[in-house]
Amino acid sequence: MTYPQSIQTLTLYLICQNLTAMYLPIYIVRLDERTNNFYILAGEETGIIINPNGYWRYES
């Protein structure tokens, strides 16, 4: 099992904080062990991927 990088964990925390500030429910937070990317599913169709280097993007 691999553990997430500190910058990735901080980015995850900040994004989750911003999503809940916009009153979006967070349904899934998952670490993909193949790619070491975090995946967040929030609201109706908001998907966010956080790379191990802390960069994030929307997933469509």
C-alpha atoms as a PDB file:
ATOM      1  CA  MET A   1       0.000   0.000   0.000  1.00  0.00           C
ATOM      2  CA  THR A   2       1.288   3.445  -0.887  1.00  0.00           C
ATOM      3  CA  TYR A   3       0.493   6.563   1.064  1.00  0.00           C
ATOM      4  CA  PRO A   4      -0.409   9.923  -0.476  1.00  0.00           C
ATOM      5  CA  GLN A   5       2.122  12.740  -0.655  1.00  0.00           C
ATOM      6  CA  SER A   6       1.761  15.616   1.831  1.00  0.00           C
ATOM      7  CA  ILE A   7       1.005  18.194  -0.880  1.00  0.00           C
ATOM      8  CA  GLN A   8      -1.655  15.872  -2.292  1.00  0.00           C
ATOM      9  CA  THR A   9      -3.266  15.466   1.122  1.00  0.00           C
ATOM     10  CA  LEU A  10      -3.267  19.239   1.696  1.00  0.00           C
ATOM     11  CA  THR A  11      -4.844  19.821  -1.726  1.00  0.00           C
ATOM     12  CA  LEU A  12      -7.496  17.194  -0.947  1.00  0.00           C
ATOM     13  CA  TYR A  13      -8.332  18.935   2.327  1.00  0.00           C
ATOM     14  CA  LEU A  14      -8.582  22.389   0.718  1.00  0.00           C
ATOM     15  CA  ILE A  15     -10.764  21.183  -2.158  1.00  0.00           C
ATOM     16  CA  CYS A  16     -13.105  19.324   0.199  1.00  0.00           C
ATOM     17  CA  GLN A  17     -13.331  22.447   2.355  1.00  0.00           C
ATOM     18  CA  ASN A  18     -14.199  24.582  -0.689  1.00  0.00           C
ATOM     19  CA  LEU A  19     -16.785  22.087  -1.947  1.00  0.00           C
ATOM     20  CA  THR A  20     -18.592  22.005   1.388  1.00  0.00           C
ATOM     21  CA  ALA A  21     -18.444  25.813   1.599  1.00  0.00           C
ATOM     22  CA  MET A  22     -20.446  25.792  -1.653  1.00  0.00           C
ATOM     23  CA  TYR A  23     -22.908  23.379   0.030  1.00  0.00           C
ATOM     24  CA  LEU A  24     -22.035  20.509  -2.321  1.00  0.00           C
ATOM     25  CA  PRO A  25     -22.287  17.078  -0.714  1.00  0.00           C
ATOM     26  CA  ILE A  26     -19.200  14.899  -1.080  1.00  0.00           C
ATOM     27  CA  TYR A  27     -20.197  11.349  -1.963  1.00  0.00           C
ATOM     28  CA  ILE A  28     -16.865   9.620  -2.639  1.00  0.00           C
ATOM     29  CA  VAL A  29     -13.232  10.273  -1.765  1.00  0.00           C
ATOM     30  CA  ARG A  30     -11.064   7.461  -3.054  1.00  0.00           C
ATOM     31  CA  LEU A  31      -7.335   6.859  -3.554  1.00  0.00           C
ATOM     32  CA  ASP A  32      -6.692   4.952  -6.780  1.00  0.00           C
ATOM     33  CA  GLU A  33      -3.826   2.643  -5.827  1.00  0.00           C
ATOM     34  CA  ARG A  34      -2.858   2.055  -9.476  1.00  0.00           C
ATOM     35  CA  THR A  35      -2.196   5.731 -10.256  1.00  0.00           C
ATOM     36  CA  ASN A  36      -1.982   7.205  -6.711  1.00  0.00           C
ATOM     37  CA  ASN A  37      -4.591   9.798  -7.705  1.00  0.00           C
ATOM     38  CA  PHE A  38      -7.375  10.913  -5.388  1.00  0.00           C
ATOM     39  CA  TYR A  39     -10.863  11.008  -6.875  1.00  0.00           C
ATOM     40  CA  ILE A  40     -13.623  13.164  -5.381  1.00  0.00           C
ATOM     41  CA  LEU A  41     -17.262  12.880  -6.434  1.00  0.00           C
ATOM     42  CA  ALA A  42     -19.289  15.827  -5.175  1.00  0.00           C
ATOM     43  CA  GLY A  43     -22.738  17.131  -5.964  1.00  0.00           C
ATOM     44  CA  GLU A  44     -24.633  15.873  -8.983  1.00  0.00           C
ATOM     45  CA  GLU A  45     -21.748  15.519 -11.406  1.00  0.00           C
ATOM     46  CA  THR A  46     -18.620  17.206 -10.062  1.00  0.00           C
ATOM     47  CA  GLY A  47     -15.633  14.887 -10.336  1.00  0.00           C
ATOM     48  CA  ILE A  48     -12.150  16.049  -9.329  1.00  0.00           C
ATOM     49  CA  ILE A  49      -8.850  14.181  -9.680  1.00  0.00           C
ATOM     50  CA  ILE A  50      -5.823  15.141  -7.564  1.00  0.00           C
ATOM     51  CA  ASN A  51      -2.429  13.956  -8.821  1.00  0.00           C
ATOM     52  CA  PRO A  52       0.385  12.979  -6.410  1.00  0.00           C
ATOM     53  CA  ASN A  53       2.138  16.300  -7.153  1.00  0.00           C
ATOM     54  CA  GLY A  54      -0.897  18.235  -5.832  1.00  0.00           C
ATOM     55  CA  TYR A  55      -2.254  19.423  -9.180  1.00  0.00           C
ATOM     56  CA  TRP A  56      -5.963  18.859  -9.681  1.00  0.00           C
ATOM     57  CA  ARG A  57      -8.433  18.891 -12.557  1.00  0.00           C
ATOM     58  CA  TYR A  58     -12.104  18.381 -13.238  1.00  0.00           C
ATOM     59  CA  GLU A  59     -13.083  14.991 -14.623  1.00  0.00           C
ATOM     60  CA  SER A  60     -15.918  14.892 -17.122  1.00  0.00           C
END
